[in-house]
Amino acid sequence: MGQGFGLGFAVRTDAGENPLPGSIGSFYWNGGFGTTFQVDPKQQLVFILMTQVPWSAFHPYRKGIRYLAYQAMTDLN
């Protein structure tokens, strides 16, 4: 899926293979009960989602926050 793992995080290694938005070199990790964070150094973007939702409900929030964050940016270099 265009990512690998290093230093405890998932790291994006190829832009074309991953269906979620992000630059090569961005890294993220998903925690328990819906928490997640992502750092995209190329876009100067950091986001953190701290939620407390049941295990069956957190998946849409993790994808949604990534799409919303990148869609909110007006100048993607």
PDB file of N, CA and C in Angstrom:
ATOM      1  N   MET A   1       0.819  -1.209   0.000  1.00  0.00           N
ATOM      2  CA  MET A   1       0.000   0.000   0.000  1.00  0.00           C
ATOM      3  C   MET A   1       0.856   1.262   0.000  1.00  0.00           C
ATOM      4  N   GLY A   2       2.104   1.183  -0.385  1.00  0.00           N
ATOM      5  CA  GLY A   2       2.924   2.376  -0.475  1.00  0.00           C
ATOM      6  C   GLY A   2       3.418   2.894   0.853  1.00  0.00           C
ATOM      7  N   GLN A   3       3.528   2.036   1.847  1.00  0.00           N
ATOM      8  CA  GLN A   3       4.034   2.470   3.142  1.00  0.00           C
ATOM      9  C   GLN A   3       4.869   1.376   3.778  1.00  0.00           C
ATOM     10  N   GLY A   4       5.723   1.804   4.703  1.00  0.00           N
ATOM     11  CA  GLY A   4       6.538   0.885   5.468  1.00  0.00           C
ATOM     12  C   GLY A   4       6.518   1.331   6.919  1.00  0.00           C
ATOM     13  N   PHE A   5       7.348   0.716   7.734  1.00  0.00           N
ATOM     14  CA  PHE A   5       7.377   1.062   9.147  1.00  0.00           C
ATOM     15  C   PHE A   5       8.799   1.362   9.563  1.00  0.00           C
ATOM     16  N   GLY A   6       8.955   2.405  10.362  1.00  0.00           N
ATOM     17  CA  GLY A   6      10.264   2.767  10.868  1.00  0.00           C
ATOM     18  C   GLY A   6      10.133   3.600  12.121  1.00  0.00           C
ATOM     19  N   LEU A   7      10.971   3.326  13.096  1.00  0.00           N
ATOM     20  CA  LEU A   7      10.994   4.074  14.363  1.00  0.00           C
ATOM     21  C   LEU A   7       9.627   4.141  15.036  1.00  0.00           C
ATOM     22  N   GLY A   8       8.820   3.110  14.874  1.00  0.00           N
ATOM     23  CA  GLY A   8       7.539   3.045  15.566  1.00  0.00           C
ATOM     24  C   GLY A   8       6.369   3.695  14.860  1.00  0.00           C
ATOM     25  N   PHE A   9       6.560   4.163  13.638  1.00  0.00           N
ATOM     26  CA  PHE A   9       5.489   4.819  12.895  1.00  0.00           C
ATOM     27  C   PHE A   9       5.319   4.169  11.536  1.00  0.00           C
ATOM     28  N   ALA A  10       4.157   4.346  10.946  1.00  0.00           N
ATOM     29  CA  ALA A  10       3.958   3.986   9.548  1.00  0.00           C
ATOM     30  C   ALA A  10       4.475   5.156   8.711  1.00  0.00           C
ATOM     31  N   VAL A  11       5.273   4.877   7.702  1.00  0.00           N
ATOM     32  CA  VAL A  11       5.902   5.917   6.885  1.00  0.00           C
ATOM     33  C   VAL A  11       5.491   5.709   5.434  1.00  0.00           C
ATOM     34  N   ARG A  12       5.050   6.777   4.803  1.00  0.00           N
ATOM     35  CA  ARG A  12       4.650   6.708   3.386  1.00  0.00           C
ATOM     36  C   ARG A  12       5.889   6.655   2.510  1.00  0.00           C
ATOM     37  N   THR A  13       5.964   5.630   1.651  1.00  0.00           N
ATOM     38  CA  THR A  13       7.134   5.439   0.802  1.00  0.00           C
ATOM     39  C   THR A  13       6.839   5.624  -0.679  1.00  0.00           C
ATOM     40  N   ASP A  14       5.562   5.550  -1.076  1.00  0.00           N
ATOM     41  CA  ASP A  14       5.195   5.659  -2.483  1.00  0.00           C
ATOM     42  C   ASP A  14       3.820   6.303  -2.583  1.00  0.00           C
ATOM     43  N   ALA A  15       3.737   7.397  -3.307  1.00  0.00           N
ATOM     44  CA  ALA A  15       2.475   8.150  -3.387  1.00  0.00           C
ATOM     45  C   ALA A  15       1.402   7.441  -4.192  1.00  0.00           C
ATOM     46  N   GLY A  16       1.766   6.677  -5.199  1.00  0.00           N
ATOM     47  CA  GLY A  16       0.790   6.107  -6.106  1.00  0.00           C
ATOM     48  C   GLY A  16       0.059   4.879  -5.598  1.00  0.00           C
ATOM     49  N   GLU A  17       0.554   4.223  -4.571  1.00  0.00           N
ATOM     50  CA  GLU A  17      -0.045   2.964  -4.151  1.00  0.00           C
ATOM     51  C   GLU A  17      -1.014   3.093  -2.985  1.00  0.00           C
ATOM     52  N   ASN A  18      -1.000   4.182  -2.267  1.00  0.00           N
ATOM     53  CA  ASN A  18      -1.838   4.333  -1.080  1.00  0.00           C
ATOM     54  C   ASN A  18      -3.090   5.132  -1.428  1.00  0.00           C
ATOM     55  N   PRO A  19      -4.284   4.647  -1.106  1.00  0.00           N
ATOM     56  CA  PRO A  19      -5.512   5.361  -1.464  1.00  0.00           C
ATOM     57  C   PRO A  19      -5.779   6.603  -0.605  1.00  0.00           C
ATOM     58  N   LEU A  20      -5.105   6.747   0.522  1.00  0.00           N
ATOM     59  CA  LEU A  20      -5.333   7.904   1.389  1.00  0.00           C
ATOM     60  C   LEU A  20      -4.399   9.045   1.016  1.00  0.00           C
ATOM     61  N   PRO A  21      -4.825  10.300   1.244  1.00  0.00           N
ATOM     62  CA  PRO A  21      -3.965  11.433   0.900  1.00  0.00           C
ATOM     63  C   PRO A  21      -2.729  11.494   1.788  1.00  0.00           C
ATOM     64  N   GLY A  22      -1.651  12.044   1.226  1.00  0.00           N
ATOM     65  CA  GLY A  22      -0.406  12.211   1.970  1.00  0.00           C
ATOM     66  C   GLY A  22       0.779  12.253   1.037  1.00  0.00           C
ATOM     67  N   SER A  23       1.851  12.878   1.486  1.00  0.00           N
ATOM     68  CA  SER A  23       3.079  13.008   0.707  1.00  0.00           C
ATOM     69  C   SER A  23       4.047  11.891   1.078  1.00  0.00           C
ATOM     70  N   ILE A  24       4.968  11.606   0.174  1.00  0.00           N
ATOM     71  CA  ILE A  24       6.034  10.659   0.496  1.00  0.00           C
ATOM     72  C   ILE A  24       6.826  11.237   1.668  1.00  0.00           C
ATOM     73  N   GLY A  25       7.086  10.421   2.668  1.00  0.00           N
ATOM     74  CA  GLY A  25       7.795  10.866   3.864  1.00  0.00           C
ATOM     75  C   GLY A  25       6.879  11.221   5.024  1.00  0.00           C
ATOM     76  N   SER A  26       5.570  11.309   4.775  1.00  0.00           N
ATOM     77  CA  SER A  26       4.658  11.577   5.888  1.00  0.00           C
ATOM     78  C   SER A  26       4.581  10.328   6.760  1.00  0.00           C
ATOM     79  N   PHE A  27       4.266  10.519   8.021  1.00  0.00           N
ATOM     80  CA  PHE A  27       4.192   9.384   8.936  1.00  0.00           C
ATOM     81  C   PHE A  27       3.008   9.550   9.867  1.00  0.00           C
ATOM     82  N   TYR A  28       2.516   8.409  10.362  1.00  0.00           N
ATOM     83  CA  TYR A  28       1.318   8.435  11.207  1.00  0.00           C
ATOM     84  C   TYR A  28       1.296   7.210  12.099  1.00  0.00           C
ATOM     85  N   TRP A  29       0.371   7.254  13.051  1.00  0.00           N
ATOM     86  CA  TRP A  29       0.091   6.075  13.860  1.00  0.00           C
ATOM     87  C   TRP A  29      -1.331   6.163  14.369  1.00  0.00           C
ATOM     88  N   ASN A  30      -2.010   5.024  14.425  1.00  0.00           N
ATOM     89  CA  ASN A  30      -3.365   4.931  14.946  1.00  0.00           C
ATOM     90  C   ASN A  30      -3.318   4.288  16.320  1.00  0.00           C
ATOM     91  N   GLY A  31      -4.007   4.898  17.271  1.00  0.00           N
ATOM     92  CA  GLY A  31      -4.053   4.364  18.624  1.00  0.00           C
ATOM     93  C   GLY A  31      -5.376   3.685  18.911  1.00  0.00           C
ATOM     94  N   GLY A  32      -5.575   3.349  20.155  1.00  0.00           N
ATOM     95  CA  GLY A  32      -6.796   2.673  20.565  1.00  0.00           C
ATOM     96  C   GLY A  32      -7.982   3.613  20.637  1.00  0.00           C
ATOM     97  N   PHE A  33      -9.162   3.083  20.415  1.00  0.00           N
ATOM     98  CA  PHE A  33     -10.436   3.806  20.529  1.00  0.00           C
ATOM     99  C   PHE A  33     -10.536   5.009  19.603  1.00  0.00           C
ATOM    100  N   GLY A  34      -9.894   4.951  18.443  1.00  0.00           N
ATOM    101  CA  GLY A  34     -10.088   5.972  17.418  1.00  0.00           C
ATOM    102  C   GLY A  34      -9.057   7.070  17.370  1.00  0.00           C
ATOM    103  N   THR A  35      -8.086   7.091  18.254  1.00  0.00           N
ATOM    104  CA  THR A  35      -7.082   8.153  18.202  1.00  0.00           C
ATOM    105  C   THR A  35      -6.149   7.942  17.011  1.00  0.00           C
ATOM    106  N   THR A  36      -5.643   9.032  16.465  1.00  0.00           N
ATOM    107  CA  THR A  36      -4.690   8.972  15.361  1.00  0.00           C
ATOM    108  C   THR A  36      -3.922  10.283  15.289  1.00  0.00           C
ATOM    109  N   PHE A  37      -2.758  10.241  14.680  1.00  0.00           N
ATOM    110  CA  PHE A  37      -2.040  11.462  14.343  1.00  0.00           C
ATOM    111  C   PHE A  37      -1.307  11.247  13.039  1.00  0.00           C
ATOM    112  N   GLN A  38      -1.028  12.337  12.341  1.00  0.00           N
ATOM    113  CA  GLN A  38      -0.242  12.282  11.115  1.00  0.00           C
ATOM    114  C   GLN A  38       0.602  13.537  11.025  1.00  0.00           C
ATOM    115  N   VAL A  39       1.814  13.360  10.535  1.00  0.00           N
ATOM    116  CA  VAL A  39       2.729  14.466  10.282  1.00  0.00           C
ATOM    117  C   VAL A  39       3.144  14.379   8.822  1.00  0.00           C
ATOM    118  N   ASP A  40       2.944  15.461   8.081  1.00  0.00           N
ATOM    119  CA  ASP A  40       3.350  15.536   6.678  1.00  0.00           C
ATOM    120  C   ASP A  40       4.327  16.698   6.552  1.00  0.00           C
ATOM    121  N   PRO A  41       5.637  16.430   6.647  1.00  0.00           N
ATOM    122  CA  PRO A  41       6.621  17.519   6.612  1.00  0.00           C
ATOM    123  C   PRO A  41       6.580  18.326   5.318  1.00  0.00           C
ATOM    124  N   LYS A  42       6.336  17.692   4.182  1.00  0.00           N
ATOM    125  CA  LYS A  42       6.320  18.409   2.906  1.00  0.00           C
ATOM    126  C   LYS A  42       5.224  19.467   2.869  1.00  0.00           C
ATOM    127  N   GLN A  43       4.061  19.146   3.406  1.00  0.00           N
ATOM    128  CA  GLN A  43       2.935  20.084   3.417  1.00  0.00           C
ATOM    129  C   GLN A  43       2.883  20.933   4.684  1.00  0.00           C
ATOM    130  N   GLN A  44       3.820  20.735   5.596  1.00  0.00           N
ATOM    131  CA  GLN A  44       3.841  21.425   6.892  1.00  0.00           C
ATOM    132  C   GLN A  44       2.505  21.230   7.619  1.00  0.00           C
ATOM    133  N   LEU A  45       2.089  19.978   7.699  1.00  0.00           N
ATOM    134  CA  LEU A  45       0.789  19.628   8.254  1.00  0.00           C
ATOM    135  C   LEU A  45       0.964  18.642   9.402  1.00  0.00           C
ATOM    136  N   VAL A  46       0.301  18.933  10.506  1.00  0.00           N
ATOM    137  CA  VAL A  46       0.242  18.022  11.646  1.00  0.00           C
ATOM    138  C   VAL A  46      -1.206  17.988  12.100  1.00  0.00           C
ATOM    139  N   PHE A  47      -1.754  16.807  12.260  1.00  0.00           N
ATOM    140  CA  PHE A  47      -3.079  16.736  12.860  1.00  0.00           C
ATOM    141  C   PHE A  47      -3.143  15.591  13.844  1.00  0.00           C
ATOM    142  N   ILE A  48      -3.964  15.802  14.860  1.00  0.00           N
ATOM    143  CA  ILE A  48      -4.149  14.837  15.936  1.00  0.00           C
ATOM    144  C   ILE A  48      -5.646  14.707  16.167  1.00  0.00           C
ATOM    145  N   LEU A  49      -6.120  13.478  16.224  1.00  0.00           N
ATOM    146  CA  LEU A  49      -7.526  13.212  16.505  1.00  0.00           C
ATOM    147  C   LEU A  49      -7.595  12.410  17.790  1.00  0.00           C
ATOM    148  N   MET A  50      -8.211  12.982  18.801  1.00  0.00           N
ATOM    149  CA  MET A  50      -8.364  12.315  20.094  1.00  0.00           C
ATOM    150  C   MET A  50      -9.851  12.047  20.299  1.00  0.00           C
ATOM    151  N   THR A  51     -10.259  10.833  20.067  1.00  0.00           N
ATOM    152  CA  THR A  51     -11.658  10.448  20.214  1.00  0.00           C
ATOM    153  C   THR A  51     -11.765   9.279  21.177  1.00  0.00           C
ATOM    154  N   GLN A  52     -12.936   9.064  21.665  1.00  0.00           N
ATOM    155  CA  GLN A  52     -13.244   7.901  22.486  1.00  0.00           C
ATOM    156  C   GLN A  52     -14.505   7.283  21.907  1.00  0.00           C
ATOM    157  N   VAL A  53     -14.330   6.383  20.965  1.00  0.00           N
ATOM    158  CA  VAL A  53     -15.464   5.734  20.315  1.00  0.00           C
ATOM    159  C   VAL A  53     -15.281   4.217  20.386  1.00  0.00           C
ATOM    160  N   PRO A  54     -16.370   3.470  20.289  1.00  0.00           N
ATOM    161  CA  PRO A  54     -16.260   2.008  20.327  1.00  0.00           C
ATOM    162  C   PRO A  54     -15.410   1.485  19.168  1.00  0.00           C
ATOM    163  N   TRP A  55     -14.835   0.316  19.345  1.00  0.00           N
ATOM    164  CA  TRP A  55     -13.952  -0.278  18.334  1.00  0.00           C
ATOM    165  C   TRP A  55     -14.605  -0.360  16.968  1.00  0.00           C
ATOM    166  N   SER A  56     -15.881  -0.656  16.901  1.00  0.00           N
ATOM    167  CA  SER A  56     -16.545  -0.832  15.610  1.00  0.00           C
ATOM    168  C   SER A  56     -16.816   0.484  14.887  1.00  0.00           C
ATOM    169  N   ALA A  57     -16.681   1.619  15.577  1.00  0.00           N
ATOM    170  CA  ALA A  57     -17.067   2.901  14.975  1.00  0.00           C
ATOM    171  C   ALA A  57     -15.899   3.804  14.605  1.00  0.00           C
ATOM    172  N   PHE A  58     -14.663   3.500  15.013  1.00  0.00           N
ATOM    173  CA  PHE A  58     -13.601   4.486  14.819  1.00  0.00           C
ATOM    174  C   PHE A  58     -13.031   4.545  13.405  1.00  0.00           C
ATOM    175  N   HIS A  59     -13.196   3.524  12.597  1.00  0.00           N
ATOM    176  CA  HIS A  59     -12.584   3.504  11.267  1.00  0.00           C
ATOM    177  C   HIS A  59     -12.987   4.690  10.390  1.00  0.00           C
ATOM    178  N   PRO A  60     -14.265   5.074  10.275  1.00  0.00           N
ATOM    179  CA  PRO A  60     -14.624   6.212   9.418  1.00  0.00           C
ATOM    180  C   PRO A  60     -14.014   7.530   9.888  1.00  0.00           C
ATOM    181  N   TYR A  61     -13.813   7.701  11.187  1.00  0.00           N
ATOM    182  CA  TYR A  61     -13.243   8.943  11.693  1.00  0.00           C
ATOM    183  C   TYR A  61     -11.788   9.088  11.273  1.00  0.00           C
ATOM    184  N   ARG A  62     -11.032   8.008  11.321  1.00  0.00           N
ATOM    185  CA  ARG A  62      -9.616   8.069  10.945  1.00  0.00           C
ATOM    186  C   ARG A  62      -9.440   8.438   9.479  1.00  0.00           C
ATOM    187  N   LYS A  63     -10.222   7.816   8.602  1.00  0.00           N
ATOM    188  CA  LYS A  63     -10.136   8.166   7.184  1.00  0.00           C
ATOM    189  C   LYS A  63     -10.647   9.585   6.950  1.00  0.00           C
ATOM    190  N   GLY A  64     -11.754   9.911   7.584  1.00  0.00           N
ATOM    191  CA  GLY A  64     -12.372  11.221   7.383  1.00  0.00           C
ATOM    192  C   GLY A  64     -11.476  12.377   7.757  1.00  0.00           C
ATOM    193  N   ILE A  65     -10.772  12.276   8.861  1.00  0.00           N
ATOM    194  CA  ILE A  65      -9.913  13.391   9.289  1.00  0.00           C
ATOM    195  C   ILE A  65      -8.776  13.611   8.296  1.00  0.00           C
ATOM    196  N   ARG A  66      -8.270  12.553   7.710  1.00  0.00           N
ATOM    197  CA  ARG A  66      -7.198  12.709   6.710  1.00  0.00           C
ATOM    198  C   ARG A  66      -7.718  13.427   5.470  1.00  0.00           C
ATOM    199  N   TYR A  67      -8.873  12.984   4.967  1.00  0.00           N
ATOM    200  CA  TYR A  67      -9.432  13.628   3.781  1.00  0.00           C
ATOM    201  C   TYR A  67      -9.788  15.087   4.060  1.00  0.00           C
ATOM    202  N   LEU A  68     -10.397  15.364   5.185  1.00  0.00           N
ATOM    203  CA  LEU A  68     -10.778  16.740   5.511  1.00  0.00           C
ATOM    204  C   LEU A  68      -9.571  17.656   5.647  1.00  0.00           C
ATOM    205  N   ALA A  69      -8.521  17.178   6.284  1.00  0.00           N
ATOM    206  CA  ALA A  69      -7.323  18.002   6.468  1.00  0.00           C
ATOM    207  C   ALA A  69      -6.699  18.385   5.133  1.00  0.00           C
ATOM    208  N   TYR A  70      -6.570  17.432   4.231  1.00  0.00           N
ATOM    209  CA  TYR A  70      -5.957  17.734   2.930  1.00  0.00           C
ATOM    210  C   TYR A  70      -6.891  18.539   2.037  1.00  0.00           C
ATOM    211  N   GLN A  71      -8.191  18.323   2.117  1.00  0.00           N
ATOM    212  CA  GLN A  71      -9.124  19.100   1.325  1.00  0.00           C
ATOM    213  C   GLN A  71      -9.196  20.552   1.775  1.00  0.00           C
ATOM    214  N   ALA A  72      -8.909  20.805   3.050  1.00  0.00           N
ATOM    215  CA  ALA A  72      -8.955  22.165   3.582  1.00  0.00           C
ATOM    216  C   ALA A  72      -7.762  23.002   3.118  1.00  0.00           C
ATOM    217  N   MET A  73      -6.706  22.350   2.661  1.00  0.00           N
ATOM    218  CA  MET A  73      -5.510  23.077   2.204  1.00  0.00           C
ATOM    219  C   MET A  73      -5.792  23.627   0.803  1.00  0.00           C
ATOM    220  N   THR A  74      -5.432  24.883   0.574  1.00  0.00           N
ATOM    221  CA  THR A  74      -5.705  25.508  -0.721  1.00  0.00           C
ATOM    222  C   THR A  74      -4.505  25.507  -1.645  1.00  0.00           C
ATOM    223  N   ASP A  75      -3.286  25.365  -1.096  1.00  0.00           N
ATOM    224  CA  ASP A  75      -2.081  25.419  -1.927  1.00  0.00           C
ATOM    225  C   ASP A  75      -1.218  24.205  -1.625  1.00  0.00           C
ATOM    226  N   LEU A  76      -1.393  23.132  -2.394  1.00  0.00           N
ATOM    227  CA  LEU A  76      -0.602  21.920  -2.208  1.00  0.00           C
ATOM    228  C   LEU A  76       0.602  21.968  -3.133  1.00  0.00           C
ATOM    229  N   ASN A  77       1.771  22.154  -2.568  1.00  0.00           N
ATOM    230  CA  ASN A  77       3.009  22.224  -3.365  1.00  0.00           C
ATOM    231  C   ASN A  77       3.676  20.887  -3.436  1.00  0.00           C
TER     232      ASN A  77
END
